[in-house]
Amino acid sequence: MSEENEKETSEEVYKESEASSKNVADILAADNEDESLRKYKESLLGAAAHGDLGNTDDPRRIIVTEFRVVFEDELTPEIVHNLDSEEGIAKLKAEGITIKEGAKYKFRVSFRVQHEIVAGLKFTTRLKKAVFSDEDSVMIGSYPPASTPHVFEFPRRQFSEAPKGMLFRGKYTARNQFIDSDKVNHLEYEYTVTITK
C-alpha cells in the first residue's frame, strides 16, 4: 500500500458529521428561565452541562478507547485492544482475535463522545467466512460529550457462543461500525476472528 493510500485510509476510519450536531450550549440556553427544566437538562447532560466537551482539539466525535473480548470462563484471559489511535486500529487488524470453538464471549467497548451530543448511536458487527455471514446490531443510545468513557457490552445480558465443529473452524472477517441516527458512520474497523480447536 502506498503512503498516500495509507494516509487516505487512516483519515477515513473516524468520520465527523455536521448533520447530527446537537449543540450543548443551545440546549442549555433554551428555556433557561425555567429553573426546574434547566436542572433537568443539566442532569441529562452530565459533565457537558458544566463545560466538559471532551478533547476539543480532536475533531472526532466518537472515540473508541478500548475494544475488549470478555469470556464467561474467567480463567480465559481477556483480549484487549486500544482503538483510540490509527496505530491501535491497525494493530487489531494485523493481530485479529483468536477464540476457542464453543467458548462463550462478549464484547465490552469503551468510548468517549466529544464536542456535541451524538443521537441514536448504534453498534453493528458483521462476521463473514466464505458463504457464511452473520450480522447483528444494537442501539447503544444517545450520549452527551464527556471526558470519561461510556461502556457497553454486546450482547448485553448473556454471552455469545463461538461456533463448534470442523466446518466452523478457521478465519472469519469481522467488521464493526458505530453509526448515529443521521446515518453517519463515525467509526468502522475490520479484523480477523480465528476459531480454533
N, C-alpha and C. Protein backbone atom coordinates (compact mmCIF):
# COMPACT_ATOMS: atom_id res chain seq x y z
N MET A 1 0.85 -1.17 0.00
CA MET A 1 0.00 0.00 0.00
C MET A 1 0.89 1.23 0.00
N SER A 2 0.59 2.18 -0.88
CA SER A 2 1.42 3.38 -0.94
C SER A 2 1.15 4.26 0.27
N GLU A 3 2.10 5.17 0.52
CA GLU A 3 1.97 6.06 1.68
C GLU A 3 0.74 6.95 1.54
N GLU A 4 0.45 7.39 0.30
CA GLU A 4 -0.71 8.25 0.06
C GLU A 4 -2.01 7.49 0.32
N ASN A 5 -2.11 6.24 -0.17
CA ASN A 5 -3.30 5.43 0.08
C ASN A 5 -3.46 5.13 1.55
N GLU A 6 -2.33 4.88 2.23
CA GLU A 6 -2.37 4.60 3.67
C GLU A 6 -2.93 5.79 4.43
N LYS A 7 -2.51 7.01 4.03
CA LYS A 7 -2.98 8.23 4.70
C LYS A 7 -4.48 8.40 4.46
N GLU A 8 -4.93 8.17 3.21
CA GLU A 8 -6.35 8.30 2.91
C GLU A 8 -7.16 7.30 3.73
N THR A 9 -6.69 6.07 3.84
CA THR A 9 -7.39 5.05 4.61
C THR A 9 -7.48 5.43 6.07
N SER A 10 -6.38 5.93 6.65
CA SER A 10 -6.40 6.27 8.08
C SER A 10 -7.30 7.45 8.35
N GLU A 11 -7.41 8.39 7.41
CA GLU A 11 -8.28 9.54 7.62
C GLU A 11 -9.76 9.15 7.50
N GLU A 12 -10.04 8.05 6.79
CA GLU A 12 -11.43 7.63 6.60
C GLU A 12 -11.96 6.79 7.75
N VAL A 13 -11.12 6.35 8.66
CA VAL A 13 -11.56 5.46 9.73
C VAL A 13 -12.53 6.18 10.65
N TYR A 14 -12.16 7.34 11.16
CA TYR A 14 -13.05 8.13 12.00
C TYR A 14 -13.70 9.20 11.15
N LYS A 15 -15.02 9.36 11.27
CA LYS A 15 -15.74 10.35 10.47
C LYS A 15 -16.42 11.34 11.40
N GLU A 16 -16.62 12.57 10.90
CA GLU A 16 -17.38 13.52 11.68
C GLU A 16 -18.56 14.02 10.87
N SER A 17 -19.57 14.48 11.54
CA SER A 17 -20.80 14.86 10.87
C SER A 17 -21.31 16.20 11.38
N GLU A 18 -21.66 17.05 10.46
CA GLU A 18 -22.32 18.30 10.83
C GLU A 18 -23.82 18.06 10.99
N ALA A 19 -24.35 17.09 10.23
CA ALA A 19 -25.78 16.83 10.21
C ALA A 19 -26.31 16.42 11.57
N SER A 20 -25.55 15.64 12.30
CA SER A 20 -26.06 15.12 13.56
C SER A 20 -25.62 15.96 14.75
N SER A 21 -25.21 17.19 14.51
CA SER A 21 -24.71 18.06 15.57
C SER A 21 -25.84 18.48 16.50
N LYS A 22 -25.65 18.25 17.78
CA LYS A 22 -26.61 18.67 18.81
C LYS A 22 -25.83 19.56 19.77
N ASN A 23 -25.99 20.87 19.63
CA ASN A 23 -25.19 21.83 20.36
C ASN A 23 -25.62 21.91 21.82
N VAL A 24 -24.70 21.60 22.72
CA VAL A 24 -24.96 21.58 24.16
C VAL A 24 -25.33 22.97 24.65
N ALA A 25 -24.60 23.99 24.19
CA ALA A 25 -24.87 25.37 24.63
C ALA A 25 -26.28 25.80 24.24
N ASP A 26 -26.72 25.46 23.02
CA ASP A 26 -28.07 25.83 22.58
C ASP A 26 -29.14 25.12 23.42
N ILE A 27 -28.90 23.87 23.74
CA ILE A 27 -29.86 23.12 24.56
C ILE A 27 -29.98 23.75 25.95
N LEU A 28 -28.85 24.10 26.53
CA LEU A 28 -28.87 24.71 27.86
C LEU A 28 -29.50 26.09 27.84
N ALA A 29 -29.29 26.85 26.77
CA ALA A 29 -29.81 28.23 26.69
C ALA A 29 -31.33 28.26 26.48
N ALA A 30 -31.87 27.25 25.80
CA ALA A 30 -33.32 27.21 25.53
C ALA A 30 -34.08 27.06 26.85
N ASP A 31 -35.10 27.86 27.04
CA ASP A 31 -35.96 27.81 28.23
C ASP A 31 -35.15 27.96 29.52
N ASN A 32 -34.12 28.78 29.47
CA ASN A 32 -33.22 28.93 30.62
C ASN A 32 -33.91 29.55 31.83
N GLU A 33 -35.02 30.28 31.61
CA GLU A 33 -35.73 30.93 32.72
C GLU A 33 -36.50 29.93 33.59
N ASP A 34 -36.75 28.74 33.07
CA ASP A 34 -37.45 27.70 33.84
C ASP A 34 -36.41 26.90 34.64
N GLU A 35 -36.35 27.18 35.94
CA GLU A 35 -35.34 26.59 36.82
C GLU A 35 -35.39 25.06 36.85
N SER A 36 -36.59 24.49 36.95
CA SER A 36 -36.69 23.04 37.03
C SER A 36 -36.27 22.38 35.71
N LEU A 37 -36.60 23.01 34.57
CA LEU A 37 -36.20 22.48 33.27
C LEU A 37 -34.68 22.60 33.11
N ARG A 38 -34.11 23.72 33.57
CA ARG A 38 -32.65 23.89 33.49
C ARG A 38 -31.94 22.79 34.29
N LYS A 39 -32.41 22.51 35.51
CA LYS A 39 -31.80 21.47 36.34
C LYS A 39 -31.96 20.09 35.70
N TYR A 40 -33.13 19.86 35.10
CA TYR A 40 -33.37 18.58 34.44
C TYR A 40 -32.39 18.39 33.28
N LYS A 41 -32.22 19.43 32.45
CA LYS A 41 -31.29 19.35 31.31
C LYS A 41 -29.87 19.14 31.80
N GLU A 42 -29.49 19.80 32.88
CA GLU A 42 -28.14 19.62 33.43
C GLU A 42 -27.93 18.18 33.90
N SER A 43 -28.97 17.59 34.49
CA SER A 43 -28.83 16.20 34.95
C SER A 43 -28.69 15.24 33.76
N LEU A 44 -29.38 15.52 32.65
CA LEU A 44 -29.28 14.69 31.46
C LEU A 44 -27.93 14.86 30.76
N LEU A 45 -27.42 16.07 30.74
CA LEU A 45 -26.18 16.35 30.02
C LEU A 45 -24.94 16.03 30.84
N GLY A 46 -25.09 15.84 32.13
CA GLY A 46 -23.95 15.48 32.97
C GLY A 46 -22.83 16.49 32.90
N ALA A 47 -21.60 16.00 32.70
CA ALA A 47 -20.41 16.86 32.70
C ALA A 47 -20.44 17.90 31.58
N ALA A 48 -21.13 17.60 30.47
CA ALA A 48 -21.20 18.54 29.36
C ALA A 48 -21.91 19.83 29.77
N ALA A 49 -22.84 19.74 30.69
CA ALA A 49 -23.56 20.93 31.16
C ALA A 49 -22.63 21.89 31.89
N HIS A 50 -21.51 21.38 32.35
CA HIS A 50 -20.54 22.20 33.09
C HIS A 50 -19.28 22.44 32.28
N GLY A 51 -19.38 22.27 30.96
CA GLY A 51 -18.28 22.62 30.06
C GLY A 51 -17.36 21.49 29.64
N ASP A 52 -17.58 20.26 30.12
CA ASP A 52 -16.73 19.14 29.72
C ASP A 52 -17.23 18.59 28.39
N LEU A 53 -16.58 19.01 27.30
CA LEU A 53 -16.97 18.57 25.96
C LEU A 53 -15.96 17.60 25.38
N GLY A 54 -15.15 16.99 26.25
CA GLY A 54 -14.10 16.09 25.79
C GLY A 54 -12.91 16.87 25.29
N ASN A 55 -12.09 16.24 24.49
CA ASN A 55 -10.90 16.89 23.93
C ASN A 55 -11.33 17.70 22.71
N THR A 56 -11.50 19.00 22.88
CA THR A 56 -11.99 19.86 21.80
C THR A 56 -10.95 20.10 20.71
N ASP A 57 -9.70 19.70 20.95
CA ASP A 57 -8.67 19.82 19.92
C ASP A 57 -8.72 18.66 18.92
N ASP A 58 -9.42 17.61 19.27
CA ASP A 58 -9.55 16.42 18.42
C ASP A 58 -10.88 16.54 17.68
N PRO A 59 -10.88 16.54 16.34
CA PRO A 59 -12.13 16.75 15.60
C PRO A 59 -13.11 15.58 15.65
N ARG A 60 -12.65 14.39 16.06
CA ARG A 60 -13.55 13.23 16.08
C ARG A 60 -14.64 13.41 17.14
N ARG A 61 -15.83 12.88 16.84
CA ARG A 61 -16.93 12.97 17.81
C ARG A 61 -17.07 11.71 18.64
N ILE A 62 -16.71 10.56 18.08
CA ILE A 62 -16.73 9.28 18.79
C ILE A 62 -15.30 8.74 18.80
N ILE A 63 -14.83 8.38 19.97
CA ILE A 63 -13.50 7.76 20.08
C ILE A 63 -13.65 6.48 20.88
N VAL A 64 -13.38 5.35 20.23
CA VAL A 64 -13.43 4.07 20.92
C VAL A 64 -12.08 3.89 21.62
N THR A 65 -12.10 3.96 22.93
CA THR A 65 -10.85 3.87 23.68
C THR A 65 -10.41 2.44 23.88
N GLU A 66 -11.38 1.51 23.99
CA GLU A 66 -10.99 0.13 24.24
C GLU A 66 -12.03 -0.84 23.66
N PHE A 67 -11.51 -1.88 23.01
CA PHE A 67 -12.32 -2.97 22.49
C PHE A 67 -11.83 -4.22 23.22
N ARG A 68 -12.70 -4.83 24.00
CA ARG A 68 -12.30 -5.94 24.87
C ARG A 68 -13.21 -7.14 24.61
N VAL A 69 -12.61 -8.33 24.53
CA VAL A 69 -13.38 -9.57 24.43
C VAL A 69 -13.30 -10.23 25.80
N VAL A 70 -14.47 -10.40 26.43
CA VAL A 70 -14.59 -10.97 27.78
C VAL A 70 -15.17 -12.37 27.65
N PHE A 71 -14.60 -13.31 28.40
CA PHE A 71 -15.07 -14.70 28.32
C PHE A 71 -15.82 -15.09 29.59
N GLU A 72 -16.83 -15.95 29.42
CA GLU A 72 -17.59 -16.44 30.57
C GLU A 72 -16.67 -17.23 31.50
N ASP A 73 -15.77 -18.02 30.94
CA ASP A 73 -14.78 -18.75 31.72
C ASP A 73 -13.73 -17.75 32.19
N GLU A 74 -13.74 -17.42 33.46
CA GLU A 74 -12.85 -16.39 33.98
C GLU A 74 -11.37 -16.76 33.91
N LEU A 75 -11.07 -18.04 33.65
CA LEU A 75 -9.67 -18.46 33.51
C LEU A 75 -9.11 -18.11 32.12
N THR A 76 -10.00 -17.85 31.16
CA THR A 76 -9.56 -17.45 29.83
C THR A 76 -9.22 -15.96 29.85
N PRO A 77 -7.98 -15.62 29.48
CA PRO A 77 -7.59 -14.20 29.52
C PRO A 77 -8.41 -13.36 28.54
N GLU A 78 -8.73 -12.15 28.96
CA GLU A 78 -9.46 -11.24 28.09
C GLU A 78 -8.54 -10.75 26.98
N ILE A 79 -9.13 -10.42 25.85
CA ILE A 79 -8.38 -9.87 24.71
C ILE A 79 -8.70 -8.37 24.69
N VAL A 80 -7.66 -7.54 24.74
CA VAL A 80 -7.86 -6.09 24.84
C VAL A 80 -7.10 -5.37 23.73
N HIS A 81 -7.80 -4.46 23.05
CA HIS A 81 -7.17 -3.60 22.04
C HIS A 81 -7.61 -2.16 22.30
N ASN A 82 -6.65 -1.24 22.29
CA ASN A 82 -6.94 0.18 22.40
C ASN A 82 -7.12 0.74 20.99
N LEU A 83 -8.28 1.35 20.74
CA LEU A 83 -8.61 1.80 19.40
C LEU A 83 -8.71 3.32 19.30
N ASP A 84 -8.07 4.03 20.23
CA ASP A 84 -8.17 5.49 20.21
C ASP A 84 -7.17 6.15 19.25
N SER A 85 -6.38 5.33 18.54
CA SER A 85 -5.43 5.87 17.56
C SER A 85 -5.46 4.99 16.31
N GLU A 86 -4.94 5.54 15.22
CA GLU A 86 -4.85 4.77 13.98
C GLU A 86 -3.95 3.55 14.18
N GLU A 87 -2.91 3.70 15.01
CA GLU A 87 -2.00 2.58 15.28
C GLU A 87 -2.72 1.44 15.99
N GLY A 88 -3.59 1.78 16.94
CA GLY A 88 -4.36 0.76 17.65
C GLY A 88 -5.30 0.00 16.74
N ILE A 89 -5.94 0.72 15.83
CA ILE A 89 -6.85 0.09 14.87
C ILE A 89 -6.06 -0.81 13.92
N ALA A 90 -4.90 -0.33 13.48
CA ALA A 90 -4.05 -1.13 12.60
C ALA A 90 -3.54 -2.39 13.32
N LYS A 91 -3.24 -2.27 14.61
CA LYS A 91 -2.75 -3.41 15.40
C LYS A 91 -3.84 -4.49 15.51
N LEU A 92 -5.09 -4.07 15.77
CA LEU A 92 -6.20 -5.02 15.83
C LEU A 92 -6.36 -5.73 14.49
N LYS A 93 -6.28 -4.97 13.42
CA LYS A 93 -6.43 -5.56 12.08
C LYS A 93 -5.31 -6.56 11.80
N ALA A 94 -4.10 -6.22 12.21
CA ALA A 94 -2.94 -7.10 11.96
C ALA A 94 -2.97 -8.35 12.82
N GLU A 95 -3.34 -8.21 14.11
CA GLU A 95 -3.31 -9.34 15.04
C GLU A 95 -4.59 -10.15 15.03
N GLY A 96 -5.73 -9.48 14.86
CA GLY A 96 -7.01 -10.15 14.96
C GLY A 96 -7.24 -10.70 16.35
N ILE A 97 -8.25 -11.53 16.50
CA ILE A 97 -8.51 -12.18 17.79
C ILE A 97 -8.70 -13.68 17.55
N THR A 98 -8.33 -14.47 18.55
CA THR A 98 -8.46 -15.92 18.46
C THR A 98 -9.37 -16.39 19.59
N ILE A 99 -10.37 -17.19 19.23
CA ILE A 99 -11.35 -17.70 20.20
C ILE A 99 -11.45 -19.21 20.01
N LYS A 100 -11.46 -19.93 21.10
CA LYS A 100 -11.60 -21.39 21.06
C LYS A 100 -13.06 -21.75 20.71
N GLU A 101 -13.23 -22.77 19.87
CA GLU A 101 -14.59 -23.17 19.49
C GLU A 101 -15.41 -23.49 20.73
N GLY A 102 -16.68 -23.06 20.73
CA GLY A 102 -17.57 -23.31 21.85
C GLY A 102 -17.41 -22.36 23.02
N ALA A 103 -16.39 -21.49 22.97
CA ALA A 103 -16.18 -20.54 24.07
C ALA A 103 -17.32 -19.54 24.12
N LYS A 104 -17.70 -19.14 25.31
CA LYS A 104 -18.74 -18.13 25.48
C LYS A 104 -18.05 -16.80 25.75
N TYR A 105 -18.43 -15.78 24.97
CA TYR A 105 -17.73 -14.49 25.00
C TYR A 105 -18.71 -13.36 24.75
N LYS A 106 -18.25 -12.15 25.03
CA LYS A 106 -18.98 -10.94 24.68
C LYS A 106 -17.98 -9.83 24.44
N PHE A 107 -18.41 -8.79 23.76
CA PHE A 107 -17.58 -7.61 23.53
C PHE A 107 -17.90 -6.58 24.61
N ARG A 108 -16.88 -5.93 25.12
CA ARG A 108 -17.05 -4.78 26.02
C ARG A 108 -16.31 -3.61 25.37
N VAL A 109 -17.05 -2.58 25.02
CA VAL A 109 -16.48 -1.45 24.29
C VAL A 109 -16.60 -0.19 25.14
N SER A 110 -15.47 0.51 25.28
CA SER A 110 -15.44 1.80 25.98
C SER A 110 -15.24 2.88 24.93
N PHE A 111 -16.05 3.94 25.01
CA PHE A 111 -15.94 5.01 24.02
C PHE A 111 -16.24 6.35 24.67
N ARG A 112 -15.68 7.41 24.07
CA ARG A 112 -15.96 8.78 24.51
C ARG A 112 -16.69 9.52 23.40
N VAL A 113 -17.53 10.47 23.83
CA VAL A 113 -18.20 11.36 22.89
C VAL A 113 -17.60 12.75 23.12
N GLN A 114 -17.31 13.44 22.03
CA GLN A 114 -16.69 14.77 22.12
C GLN A 114 -17.51 15.80 21.37
N HIS A 115 -17.39 17.05 21.78
CA HIS A 115 -17.94 18.23 21.13
C HIS A 115 -19.44 18.40 21.31
N GLU A 116 -20.23 17.49 20.76
CA GLU A 116 -21.69 17.63 20.74
C GLU A 116 -22.34 16.29 21.09
N ILE A 117 -23.63 16.35 21.35
CA ILE A 117 -24.41 15.14 21.64
C ILE A 117 -24.44 14.26 20.39
N VAL A 118 -24.30 12.97 20.58
CA VAL A 118 -24.47 12.00 19.49
C VAL A 118 -25.79 11.29 19.75
N ALA A 119 -26.70 11.39 18.79
CA ALA A 119 -28.04 10.84 18.97
C ALA A 119 -28.17 9.49 18.26
N GLY A 120 -28.81 8.55 18.94
CA GLY A 120 -29.15 7.26 18.34
C GLY A 120 -27.94 6.47 17.86
N LEU A 121 -26.92 6.35 18.69
CA LEU A 121 -25.71 5.62 18.30
C LEU A 121 -26.00 4.13 18.28
N LYS A 122 -25.60 3.48 17.19
CA LYS A 122 -25.84 2.05 17.00
C LYS A 122 -24.50 1.36 16.73
N PHE A 123 -24.32 0.17 17.34
CA PHE A 123 -23.13 -0.65 17.12
C PHE A 123 -23.55 -1.83 16.25
N THR A 124 -22.84 -2.01 15.13
CA THR A 124 -23.13 -3.12 14.22
C THR A 124 -21.89 -3.98 14.09
N THR A 125 -22.07 -5.29 14.16
CA THR A 125 -20.97 -6.21 13.98
C THR A 125 -21.35 -7.22 12.90
N ARG A 126 -20.42 -7.47 11.99
CA ARG A 126 -20.66 -8.39 10.88
C ARG A 126 -19.51 -9.39 10.86
N LEU A 127 -19.85 -10.66 10.73
CA LEU A 127 -18.86 -11.75 10.70
C LEU A 127 -19.09 -12.54 9.42
N LYS A 128 -17.99 -12.79 8.67
CA LYS A 128 -18.16 -13.46 7.38
C LYS A 128 -17.01 -14.44 7.13
N LYS A 129 -17.39 -15.62 6.60
CA LYS A 129 -16.42 -16.62 6.15
C LYS A 129 -17.04 -17.34 4.96
N ALA A 130 -16.44 -17.21 3.80
CA ALA A 130 -16.94 -17.82 2.57
C ALA A 130 -18.43 -17.47 2.40
N VAL A 131 -19.32 -18.45 2.40
CA VAL A 131 -20.75 -18.17 2.20
C VAL A 131 -21.47 -17.88 3.52
N PHE A 132 -20.82 -18.15 4.64
CA PHE A 132 -21.42 -17.89 5.95
C PHE A 132 -21.32 -16.41 6.27
N SER A 133 -22.42 -15.82 6.70
CA SER A 133 -22.41 -14.40 7.08
C SER A 133 -23.40 -14.19 8.22
N ASP A 134 -23.00 -13.41 9.20
CA ASP A 134 -23.87 -13.11 10.33
C ASP A 134 -23.72 -11.64 10.68
N GLU A 135 -24.84 -10.94 10.83
CA GLU A 135 -24.79 -9.53 11.18
C GLU A 135 -25.74 -9.28 12.35
N ASP A 136 -25.29 -8.45 13.26
CA ASP A 136 -26.11 -8.10 14.42
C ASP A 136 -25.85 -6.65 14.77
N SER A 137 -26.85 -5.96 15.28
CA SER A 137 -26.64 -4.59 15.72
C SER A 137 -27.46 -4.32 16.96
N VAL A 138 -26.98 -3.36 17.73
CA VAL A 138 -27.64 -2.98 18.97
C VAL A 138 -27.65 -1.46 19.06
N MET A 139 -28.79 -0.91 19.46
CA MET A 139 -28.88 0.53 19.69
C MET A 139 -28.23 0.80 21.04
N ILE A 140 -27.17 1.59 21.02
CA ILE A 140 -26.46 1.92 22.26
C ILE A 140 -27.16 3.07 22.97
N GLY A 141 -27.60 4.08 22.21
CA GLY A 141 -28.32 5.20 22.79
C GLY A 141 -27.77 6.53 22.35
N SER A 142 -28.21 7.58 23.03
CA SER A 142 -27.74 8.95 22.76
C SER A 142 -26.88 9.39 23.94
N TYR A 143 -25.77 10.08 23.61
CA TYR A 143 -24.80 10.42 24.65
C TYR A 143 -24.33 11.85 24.53
N PRO A 144 -24.19 12.53 25.68
CA PRO A 144 -23.58 13.87 25.68
C PRO A 144 -22.07 13.73 25.68
N PRO A 145 -21.36 14.79 25.30
CA PRO A 145 -19.91 14.73 25.36
C PRO A 145 -19.41 14.69 26.81
N ALA A 146 -18.26 14.04 27.01
CA ALA A 146 -17.64 13.97 28.34
C ALA A 146 -16.24 13.38 28.18
N SER A 147 -15.37 13.69 29.12
CA SER A 147 -14.00 13.15 29.10
C SER A 147 -13.96 11.70 29.55
N THR A 148 -14.92 11.31 30.39
CA THR A 148 -14.94 9.93 30.89
C THR A 148 -15.65 9.03 29.88
N PRO A 149 -15.14 7.82 29.68
CA PRO A 149 -15.74 6.94 28.67
C PRO A 149 -17.06 6.31 29.12
N HIS A 150 -17.89 6.03 28.14
CA HIS A 150 -19.10 5.24 28.32
C HIS A 150 -18.73 3.80 28.00
N VAL A 151 -19.40 2.84 28.61
CA VAL A 151 -19.09 1.43 28.38
C VAL A 151 -20.38 0.69 28.05
N PHE A 152 -20.32 -0.18 27.04
CA PHE A 152 -21.45 -1.06 26.78
C PHE A 152 -20.92 -2.46 26.46
N GLU A 153 -21.78 -3.44 26.68
CA GLU A 153 -21.43 -4.84 26.39
C GLU A 153 -22.38 -5.38 25.34
N PHE A 154 -21.83 -6.24 24.48
CA PHE A 154 -22.63 -6.84 23.43
C PHE A 154 -22.30 -8.31 23.34
N PRO A 155 -23.24 -9.21 23.50
CA PRO A 155 -24.61 -8.97 23.91
C PRO A 155 -24.70 -8.46 25.35
N ARG A 156 -25.78 -7.80 25.65
CA ARG A 156 -25.89 -7.12 26.95
C ARG A 156 -26.09 -8.06 28.12
N ARG A 157 -26.92 -9.08 27.97
CA ARG A 157 -27.29 -9.89 29.14
C ARG A 157 -26.63 -11.27 29.19
N GLN A 158 -26.32 -11.84 28.08
CA GLN A 158 -25.75 -13.19 28.08
C GLN A 158 -24.44 -13.17 27.27
N PHE A 159 -23.93 -14.34 26.97
CA PHE A 159 -22.71 -14.46 26.19
C PHE A 159 -23.05 -15.08 24.84
N SER A 160 -22.28 -14.70 23.82
CA SER A 160 -22.36 -15.39 22.53
C SER A 160 -21.53 -16.66 22.63
N GLU A 161 -21.84 -17.64 21.80
CA GLU A 161 -21.05 -18.87 21.80
C GLU A 161 -20.35 -19.00 20.45
N ALA A 162 -19.03 -19.19 20.51
CA ALA A 162 -18.26 -19.39 19.27
C ALA A 162 -18.72 -20.69 18.63
N PRO A 163 -18.82 -20.73 17.31
CA PRO A 163 -19.28 -21.95 16.64
C PRO A 163 -18.34 -23.13 16.89
N LYS A 164 -18.91 -24.35 16.82
CA LYS A 164 -18.13 -25.57 17.06
C LYS A 164 -18.15 -26.44 15.82
N GLY A 165 -17.10 -27.23 15.68
CA GLY A 165 -17.05 -28.20 14.59
C GLY A 165 -16.06 -27.82 13.51
N MET A 166 -15.65 -28.85 12.78
CA MET A 166 -14.63 -28.68 11.76
C MET A 166 -15.01 -27.63 10.71
N LEU A 167 -16.26 -27.59 10.31
CA LEU A 167 -16.68 -26.64 9.28
C LEU A 167 -16.60 -25.19 9.75
N PHE A 168 -16.68 -24.98 11.05
CA PHE A 168 -16.71 -23.61 11.57
C PHE A 168 -15.34 -23.09 12.01
N ARG A 169 -14.36 -24.00 12.11
CA ARG A 169 -13.01 -23.55 12.49
C ARG A 169 -12.38 -22.77 11.35
N GLY A 170 -11.45 -21.90 11.70
CA GLY A 170 -10.74 -21.14 10.67
C GLY A 170 -10.89 -19.65 10.88
N LYS A 171 -10.56 -18.90 9.82
CA LYS A 171 -10.56 -17.43 9.89
C LYS A 171 -11.84 -16.84 9.33
N TYR A 172 -12.35 -15.88 10.07
CA TYR A 172 -13.52 -15.09 9.68
C TYR A 172 -13.07 -13.64 9.55
N THR A 173 -13.76 -12.88 8.73
CA THR A 173 -13.53 -11.44 8.67
C THR A 173 -14.64 -10.77 9.46
N ALA A 174 -14.25 -9.90 10.39
CA ALA A 174 -15.23 -9.17 11.21
C ALA A 174 -15.14 -7.69 10.88
N ARG A 175 -16.29 -7.02 10.93
CA ARG A 175 -16.35 -5.57 10.72
C ARG A 175 -17.30 -4.99 11.76
N ASN A 176 -16.83 -3.98 12.48
CA ASN A 176 -17.65 -3.27 13.45
C ASN A 176 -17.84 -1.83 13.00
N GLN A 177 -19.04 -1.28 13.27
CA GLN A 177 -19.35 0.09 12.89
C GLN A 177 -20.09 0.79 14.02
N PHE A 178 -19.88 2.10 14.13
CA PHE A 178 -20.63 2.96 15.04
C PHE A 178 -21.34 4.00 14.17
N ILE A 179 -22.67 3.88 14.08
CA ILE A 179 -23.47 4.73 13.19
C ILE A 179 -24.52 5.45 14.03
N ASP A 180 -24.70 6.76 13.79
CA ASP A 180 -25.72 7.50 14.55
C ASP A 180 -27.04 7.56 13.79
N SER A 181 -28.03 8.20 14.39
CA SER A 181 -29.38 8.22 13.79
C SER A 181 -29.43 9.02 12.49
N ASP A 182 -28.42 9.84 12.22
CA ASP A 182 -28.35 10.57 10.95
C ASP A 182 -27.59 9.77 9.89
N LYS A 183 -27.33 8.49 10.18
CA LYS A 183 -26.63 7.56 9.27
C LYS A 183 -25.16 7.94 9.07
N VAL A 184 -24.58 8.66 10.01
CA VAL A 184 -23.16 8.99 9.93
C VAL A 184 -22.38 7.84 10.54
N ASN A 185 -21.46 7.29 9.76
CA ASN A 185 -20.62 6.19 10.22
C ASN A 185 -19.39 6.81 10.90
N HIS A 186 -19.41 6.89 12.23
CA HIS A 186 -18.33 7.55 12.97
C HIS A 186 -17.06 6.74 13.01
N LEU A 187 -17.18 5.43 13.03
CA LEU A 187 -16.00 4.58 13.08
C LEU A 187 -16.34 3.22 12.50
N GLU A 188 -15.42 2.71 11.69
CA GLU A 188 -15.57 1.38 11.11
C GLU A 188 -14.19 0.74 11.11
N TYR A 189 -14.10 -0.50 11.58
CA TYR A 189 -12.82 -1.18 11.58
C TYR A 189 -13.03 -2.66 11.32
N GLU A 190 -12.00 -3.29 10.72
CA GLU A 190 -12.05 -4.71 10.39
C GLU A 190 -10.92 -5.45 11.10
N TYR A 191 -11.14 -6.73 11.31
CA TYR A 191 -10.13 -7.59 11.93
C TYR A 191 -10.52 -9.02 11.63
N THR A 192 -9.61 -9.95 11.88
CA THR A 192 -9.94 -11.36 11.68
C THR A 192 -10.28 -12.00 13.01
N VAL A 193 -11.17 -12.96 12.96
CA VAL A 193 -11.50 -13.79 14.12
C VAL A 193 -11.15 -15.22 13.73
N THR A 194 -10.27 -15.82 14.50
CA THR A 194 -9.86 -17.19 14.21
C THR A 194 -10.47 -18.11 15.26
N ILE A 195 -11.25 -19.08 14.80
CA ILE A 195 -11.86 -20.08 15.69
C ILE A 195 -10.95 -21.30 15.68
N THR A 196 -10.46 -21.68 16.87
CA THR A 196 -9.52 -22.81 16.97
C THR A 196 -10.14 -23.96 17.75
N LYS A 197 -9.50 -25.13 17.63
CA LYS A 197 -9.98 -26.34 18.33
C LYS A 197 -9.61 -26.27 19.80
